């Protein structure tokens, strides 16, 4: 095995370690040990609602510890085919909301309408919930909400900005679940896909107070040049909402049970076991993907021993073309394209821990010093493909796509730059 092939194998093992550390069942076990589930009141019932990409796995583990739950269901994305005994699994569109998601949101709303002060609601929240449960207030339609989502995804806004806006156009986000569950208390366990672990931004914060106000949402939309492109119903809703005070959300018990940083630490531990010197360079690699690529490339220099430079975060891509790809694939492509000549052997991996990057079946990309030559041999122009945001085609031509099944979890993205002297 060549040195490059060995480093590529190591890079995949580090990625797998990151995913394993975010295992939803283990996270639920940790969370329930840290904050035990309280019993319901006299003649009360326990409802368990799981929302997000990791929802089925989280629910399955929760029901082991809450076998007498009165009602239990999970809402996850269509690609997650996981099942949960004695519970219903609803599937919906991600990243663009669809009709199945609207029906799932109505199921959540109907379930919460049954609760009383003697009941308990256990909410299991993971990344992806923002798109999975579209519950737009009248007269905003599902197509209007989908249009908003498309605009947000293409504008290069960070996840906190996007979720702050989504919260203002939803009955469930930004504490909406709490309002609907009242007077029943809510105990939430959250698997974070947000860098910095702001609970208000995870799945758009259904069990916490909103990030901002309608006025804040309007300001960001205007600054991003999106206001005039919004459906009229959303503009009218935000303008009307900005003229009246917001109802405070009831207080829930929120427990963080997993995060990107935990996965980075697992990568570092695995790197050390493989004989690599681990260095966590940036645990908050966010912002424009071009700037993130420069930060990674700054580490690409000869080292005295085999080294793993590690990053975690969630970058953004401003779309200028109509190609296919995602932020991890574009980051990997930009690193391959911008890598300087060096005597060191290197490999760079960037992947989404959910196993999906953008509207593709790839989790990201794994590139090395031979990526450009392999692409050229395949007859593709990396510059042209990058200009068209077509990182998927570029990496496919080079044989550098990171392909995994849907992992059933999500704690944002991880990156590893491996260098051998």
Protein backbone atom coordinates (compact mmCIF):
# COMPACT_ATOMS: atom_id res chain seq x y z
CA UNK A 1 0.00 0.00 0.00
CA UNK A 2 1.37 3.43 -0.94
CA UNK A 3 1.71 6.16 1.68
CA UNK A 4 -1.16 8.07 0.06
CA UNK A 5 -3.41 5.01 0.11
CA UNK A 6 -2.56 4.43 3.77
CA UNK A 7 -3.42 8.03 4.68
CA UNK A 8 -6.71 7.76 2.79
CA UNK A 9 -7.54 4.66 4.85
CA UNK A 10 -6.64 6.51 8.03
CA UNK A 11 -8.76 9.52 7.04
CA UNK A 12 -11.82 7.31 6.61
CA UNK A 13 -11.16 5.68 9.98
CA UNK A 14 -11.07 9.12 11.62
CA UNK A 15 -14.37 10.04 9.96
CA UNK A 16 -15.92 6.78 11.16
CA UNK A 17 -14.70 7.53 14.70
CA UNK A 18 -16.42 10.92 14.55
CA UNK A 19 -19.70 9.31 13.48
CA UNK A 20 -19.44 6.61 16.15
CA UNK A 21 -18.94 9.25 18.85
CA UNK A 22 -22.24 10.82 17.77
CA UNK A 23 -24.13 7.52 17.98
CA UNK A 24 -27.69 8.53 18.94
CA UNK A 25 -28.36 5.56 21.24
CA UNK A 26 -25.24 6.24 23.29
CA UNK A 27 -26.11 9.92 23.40
CA UNK A 28 -29.59 9.16 24.77
CA UNK A 29 -28.09 6.84 27.38
CA UNK A 30 -25.74 9.61 28.50
CA UNK A 31 -28.55 12.15 28.55
CA UNK A 32 -30.97 10.02 30.57
CA UNK A 33 -28.20 9.26 33.07
CA UNK A 34 -27.43 12.96 33.40
CA UNK A 35 -31.06 14.12 33.54
CA UNK A 36 -33.40 11.19 34.36
CA UNK A 37 -36.84 11.20 32.79
CA UNK A 38 -39.41 12.21 35.41
CA UNK A 39 -42.58 10.16 35.81
CA UNK A 40 -45.92 11.71 34.83
CA UNK A 41 -48.31 13.12 37.40
CA UNK A 42 -51.40 11.29 38.79
CA UNK A 43 -53.15 9.50 35.91
CA UNK A 44 -50.74 11.27 33.58
CA UNK A 45 -49.15 9.95 30.39
CA UNK A 46 -45.70 10.14 28.82
CA UNK A 47 -45.45 11.22 25.18
CA UNK A 48 -42.13 10.73 23.35
CA UNK A 49 -41.54 12.75 20.19
CA UNK A 50 -38.27 12.42 18.25
CA UNK A 51 -37.42 14.92 15.54
CA UNK A 52 -34.43 15.00 13.18
CA UNK A 53 -32.02 12.87 11.20
CA UNK A 54 -31.20 10.79 14.27
CA UNK A 55 -34.81 10.52 15.44
CA UNK A 56 -35.44 6.76 14.96
CA UNK A 57 -32.26 5.67 16.74
CA UNK A 58 -32.85 8.14 19.58
CA UNK A 59 -36.46 7.01 19.96
CA UNK A 60 -35.60 3.32 19.94
CA UNK A 61 -33.15 3.78 22.82
CA UNK A 62 -35.54 6.05 24.73
CA UNK A 63 -38.31 3.46 24.59
CA UNK A 64 -36.00 0.89 26.16
CA UNK A 65 -35.94 3.16 29.17
CA UNK A 66 -39.56 4.40 28.89
CA UNK A 67 -41.42 1.15 28.04
CA UNK A 68 -44.78 2.49 29.21
CA UNK A 69 -44.89 5.51 26.90
CA UNK A 70 -48.47 6.38 25.97
CA UNK A 71 -47.55 7.68 22.51
CA UNK A 72 -44.26 7.60 20.60
CA UNK A 73 -43.24 8.58 17.10
CA UNK A 74 -40.26 9.87 15.15
CA UNK A 75 -40.02 12.33 12.27
CA UNK A 76 -36.95 11.87 10.07
CA UNK A 77 -35.87 12.26 6.44
CA UNK A 78 -36.92 10.02 3.57
CA UNK A 79 -33.47 8.40 3.21
CA UNK A 80 -33.51 7.14 6.79
CA UNK A 81 -35.17 3.72 6.52
CA UNK A 82 -34.70 2.88 10.21
CA UNK A 83 -37.69 1.42 12.08
CA UNK A 84 -38.70 1.55 15.74
CA UNK A 85 -40.71 -1.28 17.35
CA UNK A 86 -44.02 -0.15 18.84
CA UNK A 87 -43.66 3.34 17.40
CA UNK A 88 -44.50 5.18 14.21
CA UNK A 89 -41.75 6.62 12.00
CA UNK A 90 -42.83 9.50 9.77
CA UNK A 91 -40.57 10.57 6.91
CA UNK A 92 -40.33 13.99 5.32
CA UNK A 93 -38.31 16.06 2.87
CA UNK A 94 -34.86 17.46 3.68
CA UNK A 95 -33.36 19.98 3.01
CA UNK A 96 -36.47 21.27 1.19
CA UNK A 97 -39.77 20.86 3.09
CA UNK A 98 -42.46 18.77 1.41
CA UNK A 99 -46.08 17.71 1.87
CA UNK A 100 -45.06 14.70 3.96
CA UNK A 101 -43.34 17.08 6.35
CA UNK A 102 -46.46 19.24 6.60
CA UNK A 103 -48.50 16.15 7.52
CA UNK A 104 -45.89 15.13 10.08
CA UNK A 105 -46.04 18.61 11.62
CA UNK A 106 -49.80 18.29 11.93
CA UNK A 107 -49.34 14.96 13.72
CA UNK A 108 -47.01 16.64 16.22
CA UNK A 109 -49.45 19.52 16.73
CA UNK A 110 -52.42 17.15 17.17
CA UNK A 111 -50.51 15.02 19.67
CA UNK A 112 -49.48 18.01 21.74
CA UNK A 113 -53.06 19.27 21.80
CA UNK A 114 -54.02 16.17 23.84
CA UNK A 115 -51.67 16.86 26.74
CA UNK A 116 -52.65 17.96 30.25
CA UNK A 117 -50.72 19.30 33.22
CA UNK A 118 -50.32 15.73 34.54
CA UNK A 119 -48.64 14.49 31.35
CA UNK A 120 -44.96 14.63 30.39
CA UNK A 121 -43.58 15.33 26.92
CA UNK A 122 -40.14 13.91 26.15
CA UNK A 123 -38.61 15.58 23.08
CA UNK A 124 -35.60 14.03 21.36
CA UNK A 125 -34.11 16.66 19.04
CA UNK A 126 -31.40 16.27 16.40
CA UNK A 127 -30.23 18.17 13.35
CA UNK A 128 -32.48 18.42 10.32
CA UNK A 129 -35.65 19.19 12.23
CA UNK A 130 -35.93 22.65 10.67
CA UNK A 131 -36.89 21.30 7.27
CA UNK A 132 -38.63 18.13 8.45
CA UNK A 133 -41.50 19.84 10.27
CA UNK A 134 -42.86 22.72 8.18
CA UNK A 135 -45.75 24.26 10.10
CA UNK A 136 -46.28 27.65 8.46
CA UNK A 137 -48.86 29.99 9.99
CA UNK A 138 -51.80 30.94 7.80
CA UNK A 139 -51.85 32.29 5.16
CA UNK A 140 -48.28 31.11 4.41
CA UNK A 141 -48.43 28.01 2.21
CA UNK A 142 -46.07 25.05 2.06
CA UNK A 143 -44.83 26.18 -1.35
CA UNK A 144 -44.14 29.62 0.12
CA UNK A 145 -42.17 28.01 2.95
CA UNK A 146 -40.22 25.87 0.45
CA UNK A 147 -39.38 28.99 -1.53
CA UNK A 148 -38.07 30.65 1.63
CA UNK A 149 -35.93 27.61 2.35
CA UNK A 150 -34.49 27.60 -1.19
CA UNK A 151 -33.58 31.28 -0.87
CA UNK A 152 -31.92 30.78 2.51
CA UNK A 153 -29.87 27.79 1.32
CA UNK A 154 -28.57 29.64 -1.75
CA UNK A 155 -27.70 32.93 -0.02
CA UNK A 156 -24.69 31.80 2.01
CA UNK A 157 -26.31 32.56 5.38
CA UNK A 158 -24.99 30.69 8.40
CA UNK A 159 -27.15 28.13 10.21
CA UNK A 160 -28.00 30.48 13.08
CA UNK A 161 -29.25 33.18 10.71
CA UNK A 162 -31.29 30.67 8.72
CA UNK A 163 -32.88 29.15 11.79
CA UNK A 164 -33.64 32.57 13.28
CA UNK A 165 -35.66 33.36 10.14
CA UNK A 166 -37.32 29.95 10.01
CA UNK A 167 -38.46 30.33 13.61
CA UNK A 168 -40.48 33.41 12.70
CA UNK A 169 -42.43 31.52 10.01
CA UNK A 170 -43.40 28.44 12.01
CA UNK A 171 -45.85 27.23 14.64
CA UNK A 172 -43.35 24.72 16.06
CA UNK A 173 -39.93 26.36 15.90
CA UNK A 174 -38.53 28.89 18.36
CA UNK A 175 -40.36 27.46 21.37
CA UNK A 176 -43.50 26.61 19.45
CA UNK A 177 -43.47 23.01 20.66
CA UNK A 178 -43.45 24.27 24.25
CA UNK A 179 -46.43 26.55 23.68
CA UNK A 180 -48.41 23.76 22.04
CA UNK A 181 -47.56 21.25 24.79
CA UNK A 182 -48.53 23.57 27.65
CA UNK A 183 -49.57 22.98 30.35
CA UNK A 184 -47.63 19.68 30.14
CA UNK A 185 -43.94 20.13 31.01
CA UNK A 186 -41.36 19.29 28.32
CA UNK A 187 -38.03 17.54 28.89
CA UNK A 188 -35.80 17.73 25.82
CA UNK A 189 -32.59 15.87 24.97
CA UNK A 190 -30.62 17.46 22.13
CA UNK A 191 -27.96 16.05 19.78
CA UNK A 192 -26.30 19.19 18.44
CA UNK A 193 -25.45 19.80 14.78
CA UNK A 194 -24.71 23.47 15.53
CA UNK A 195 -21.19 24.72 16.14
CA UNK A 196 -21.09 26.30 19.59
CA UNK A 197 -24.16 24.27 20.59
CA UNK A 198 -26.63 27.15 20.74
CA UNK A 199 -29.78 25.23 21.69
CA UNK A 200 -31.91 27.88 19.99
CA UNK A 201 -30.43 26.92 16.62
CA UNK A 202 -30.64 23.10 16.83
CA UNK A 203 -33.60 22.11 14.62
CA UNK A 204 -34.62 25.79 14.90
CA UNK A 205 -35.15 25.47 18.65
CA UNK A 206 -38.60 23.90 19.12
CA UNK A 207 -38.01 23.64 22.90
CA UNK A 208 -36.23 26.94 23.58
CA UNK A 209 -36.93 30.63 23.14
CA UNK A 210 -36.34 32.03 19.63
CA UNK A 211 -32.98 33.38 18.50
CA UNK A 212 -34.39 36.72 17.45
CA UNK A 213 -37.51 38.65 16.56
CA UNK A 214 -39.51 39.25 13.42
CA UNK A 215 -37.67 42.57 13.10
CA UNK A 216 -34.34 40.72 13.21
CA UNK A 217 -35.51 38.34 10.51
CA UNK A 218 -36.57 41.20 8.27
CA UNK A 219 -33.21 42.92 8.78
CA UNK A 220 -31.19 39.82 7.81
CA UNK A 221 -33.38 39.13 4.78
CA UNK A 222 -32.97 42.69 3.57
CA UNK A 223 -29.20 42.69 4.17
CA UNK A 224 -28.90 39.45 2.19
CA UNK A 225 -30.91 40.90 -0.69
CA UNK A 226 -33.68 38.33 -0.25
CA UNK A 227 -36.60 40.46 0.92
CA UNK A 228 -38.03 41.33 -2.49
CA UNK A 229 -37.70 37.70 -3.65
CA UNK A 230 -39.82 36.37 -0.76
CA UNK A 231 -43.42 35.28 -1.32
CA UNK A 232 -45.81 38.12 -0.47
CA UNK A 233 -47.45 36.01 2.27
CA UNK A 234 -44.16 35.69 4.18
CA UNK A 235 -43.37 39.39 3.90
CA UNK A 236 -46.86 40.24 5.17
CA UNK A 237 -46.60 37.73 8.04
CA UNK A 238 -43.24 39.08 9.21
CA UNK A 239 -44.37 42.69 8.96
CA UNK A 240 -47.54 41.94 10.93
CA UNK A 241 -45.67 39.90 13.53
CA UNK A 242 -43.15 42.70 14.03
CA UNK A 243 -45.91 45.04 15.22
CA UNK A 244 -47.00 42.97 18.23
CA UNK A 245 -45.08 41.64 21.23
CA UNK A 246 -44.11 37.97 21.16
CA UNK A 247 -45.60 35.54 23.68
CA UNK A 248 -42.87 34.18 25.95
CA UNK A 249 -42.31 30.45 25.62
CA UNK A 250 -42.74 28.21 28.70
CA UNK A 251 -39.50 26.95 30.21
CA UNK A 252 -38.36 23.41 29.39
CA UNK A 253 -35.60 21.23 30.79
CA UNK A 254 -33.08 21.03 27.92
CA UNK A 255 -30.14 18.62 28.10
CA UNK A 256 -27.32 18.60 25.51
CA UNK A 257 -26.34 14.97 24.88
CA UNK A 258 -23.93 15.11 21.92
CA UNK A 259 -21.96 17.60 19.83
CA UNK A 260 -19.41 18.18 17.08
CA UNK A 261 -16.69 18.79 19.66
CA UNK A 262 -17.19 15.33 21.14
CA UNK A 263 -16.71 13.88 17.66
CA UNK A 264 -13.54 15.93 17.13
CA UNK A 265 -12.14 14.61 20.38
CA UNK A 266 -12.91 11.07 19.22
CA UNK A 267 -11.05 11.73 15.96
CA UNK A 268 -8.04 12.97 17.91
CA UNK A 269 -8.07 9.85 20.08
CA UNK A 270 -8.29 7.60 17.01
CA UNK A 271 -5.49 9.49 15.26
CA UNK A 272 -3.23 8.93 18.23
CA UNK A 273 -4.06 5.22 18.20
CA UNK A 274 -3.06 5.09 14.53
CA UNK A 275 0.32 6.66 15.25
CA UNK A 276 -0.59 10.14 14.07
CA UNK A 277 0.02 13.32 16.05
CA UNK A 278 -3.45 14.93 16.39
CA UNK A 279 -3.88 18.71 16.33
CA UNK A 280 -7.36 20.24 16.59
CA UNK A 281 -6.82 23.42 14.59
CA UNK A 282 -10.31 24.89 14.59
CA UNK A 283 -13.40 23.49 16.28
CA UNK A 284 -15.53 26.21 14.67
CA UNK A 285 -14.68 26.11 10.96
CA UNK A 286 -17.57 28.24 9.73
CA UNK A 287 -18.18 30.97 7.18
CA UNK A 288 -17.50 31.01 3.48
CA UNK A 289 -16.07 27.78 2.10
CA UNK A 290 -13.34 29.63 0.18
CA UNK A 291 -12.01 31.14 3.41
CA UNK A 292 -12.20 27.74 5.11
CA UNK A 293 -10.11 26.22 2.30
CA UNK A 294 -7.40 28.85 2.89
CA UNK A 295 -7.32 27.97 6.58
CA UNK A 296 -6.86 24.28 5.77
CA UNK A 297 -4.22 25.00 3.13
CA UNK A 298 -2.23 27.04 5.66
CA UNK A 299 -1.58 23.74 7.46
CA UNK A 300 -0.37 21.95 4.33
CA UNK A 301 3.39 21.97 4.87
CA UNK A 302 6.03 19.32 5.60
CA UNK A 303 5.94 17.90 9.13
CA UNK A 304 8.54 16.04 11.16
CA UNK A 305 6.11 13.18 11.86
CA UNK A 306 2.77 11.93 10.61
CA UNK A 307 0.20 14.50 11.66
CA UNK A 308 -3.57 14.82 11.61
CA UNK A 309 -4.82 18.43 11.52
CA UNK A 310 -8.46 18.32 12.58
CA UNK A 311 -11.35 20.73 12.03
CA UNK A 312 -15.05 20.75 12.82
CA UNK A 313 -17.79 23.12 11.76
CA UNK A 314 -20.28 23.99 9.08
CA UNK A 315 -19.22 26.23 6.21
CA UNK A 316 -21.48 28.01 3.74
CA UNK A 317 -21.53 28.11 -0.04
CA UNK A 318 -22.94 30.99 -2.05
CA UNK A 319 -24.36 29.46 -5.20
CA UNK A 320 -23.32 31.05 -8.49
CA UNK A 321 -23.96 28.07 -10.76
CA UNK A 322 -26.45 25.25 -11.21
CA UNK A 323 -24.16 22.26 -10.58
CA UNK A 324 -24.51 19.60 -7.90
CA UNK A 325 -22.52 19.31 -4.71
CA UNK A 326 -22.37 20.43 -1.11
CA UNK A 327 -20.17 22.41 1.22
CA UNK A 328 -17.94 19.45 2.08
CA UNK A 329 -17.40 18.46 -1.53
CA UNK A 330 -16.64 22.06 -2.50
CA UNK A 331 -14.23 22.44 0.42
CA UNK A 332 -12.38 19.28 -0.59
CA UNK A 333 -12.25 20.41 -4.22
CA UNK A 334 -10.94 23.86 -3.27
CA UNK A 335 -8.19 22.29 -1.15
CA UNK A 336 -7.16 19.95 -3.98
CA UNK A 337 -7.19 22.81 -6.49
CA UNK A 338 -5.25 25.21 -4.27
CA UNK A 339 -2.71 22.79 -2.79
CA UNK A 340 0.88 23.95 -3.27
CA UNK A 341 3.63 21.64 -4.41
CA UNK A 342 5.24 19.88 -1.46
CA UNK A 343 7.47 16.90 -0.82
CA UNK A 344 5.10 15.74 1.90
CA UNK A 345 2.40 13.14 1.23
CA UNK A 346 -1.04 14.43 2.19
CA UNK A 347 -4.75 13.56 2.18
CA UNK A 348 -7.69 15.81 3.03
CA UNK A 349 -11.19 14.61 3.98
CA UNK A 350 -14.25 16.74 4.54
CA UNK A 351 -17.52 15.04 5.37
CA UNK A 352 -20.96 15.53 6.84
CA UNK A 353 -21.52 13.28 9.83
CA UNK A 354 -25.05 12.55 8.59
CA UNK A 355 -23.62 10.87 5.48
CA UNK A 356 -25.23 13.39 3.12
CA UNK A 357 -23.71 16.54 1.64
CA UNK A 358 -26.08 18.78 -0.27
CA UNK A 359 -28.53 17.25 -2.74
CA UNK A 360 -26.24 14.27 -3.48
CA UNK A 361 -25.63 10.76 -2.22
CA UNK A 362 -22.09 11.64 -1.11
CA UNK A 363 -21.05 12.62 2.42
CA UNK A 364 -18.21 14.78 1.12
CA UNK A 365 -14.83 14.30 -0.51
CA UNK A 366 -11.37 12.78 0.07
CA UNK A 367 -8.61 14.40 -2.00
CA UNK A 368 -4.83 14.16 -2.28
CA UNK A 369 -1.96 15.42 -4.40
CA UNK A 370 -3.10 13.25 -7.32
CA UNK A 371 -6.66 14.62 -7.50
CA UNK A 372 -5.90 17.24 -10.15
CA UNK A 373 -4.06 14.81 -12.42
CA UNK A 374 -6.82 12.19 -12.13
CA UNK A 375 -9.43 14.78 -13.01
CA UNK A 376 -7.38 15.96 -15.99
CA UNK A 377 -7.00 12.38 -17.19
CA UNK A 378 -10.79 12.07 -17.02
CA UNK A 379 -11.10 15.13 -19.24
CA UNK A 380 -12.73 17.49 -16.72
CA UNK A 381 -11.93 21.15 -16.07
CA UNK A 382 -11.83 21.66 -12.30
CA UNK A 383 -11.98 25.46 -12.57
CA UNK A 384 -15.08 25.37 -14.75
CA UNK A 385 -16.82 22.84 -12.53
CA UNK A 386 -16.00 24.81 -9.40
CA UNK A 387 -17.33 28.02 -10.97
CA UNK A 388 -20.58 26.15 -11.62
CA UNK A 389 -20.72 24.75 -8.06
CA UNK A 390 -20.39 21.28 -9.58
CA UNK A 391 -18.02 19.76 -7.05
CA UNK A 392 -19.85 16.42 -7.22
CA UNK A 393 -18.95 15.93 -10.90
CA UNK A 394 -15.36 17.04 -10.31
CA UNK A 395 -14.74 14.67 -7.41
CA UNK A 396 -16.59 11.83 -9.13
CA UNK A 397 -14.27 12.16 -12.12
CA UNK A 398 -11.24 11.98 -9.83
CA UNK A 399 -12.66 9.06 -7.84
CA UNK A 400 -12.61 11.19 -4.72
CA UNK A 401 -16.19 11.21 -3.43
CA UNK A 402 -16.72 10.18 0.20
CA UNK A 403 -19.62 7.74 -0.02
CA UNK A 404 -21.38 6.37 3.06
CA UNK A 405 -24.89 5.29 3.85
CA UNK A 406 -27.06 7.68 5.83
CA UNK A 407 -25.48 7.44 9.27
CA UNK A 408 -28.60 8.08 11.34
CA UNK A 409 -26.92 10.90 13.24
CA UNK A 410 -25.84 14.48 12.61
CA UNK A 411 -23.35 16.70 14.46
CA UNK A 412 -22.39 18.92 11.50
CA UNK A 413 -19.15 18.42 9.55
CA UNK A 414 -15.63 17.22 10.29
CA UNK A 415 -12.38 17.60 8.39
CA UNK A 416 -8.99 15.91 8.60
CA UNK A 417 -5.77 16.91 6.84
CA UNK A 418 -3.28 14.05 7.16
CA UNK A 419 0.39 14.69 6.33
CA UNK A 420 3.32 12.27 6.23
CA UNK A 421 6.94 13.48 5.97
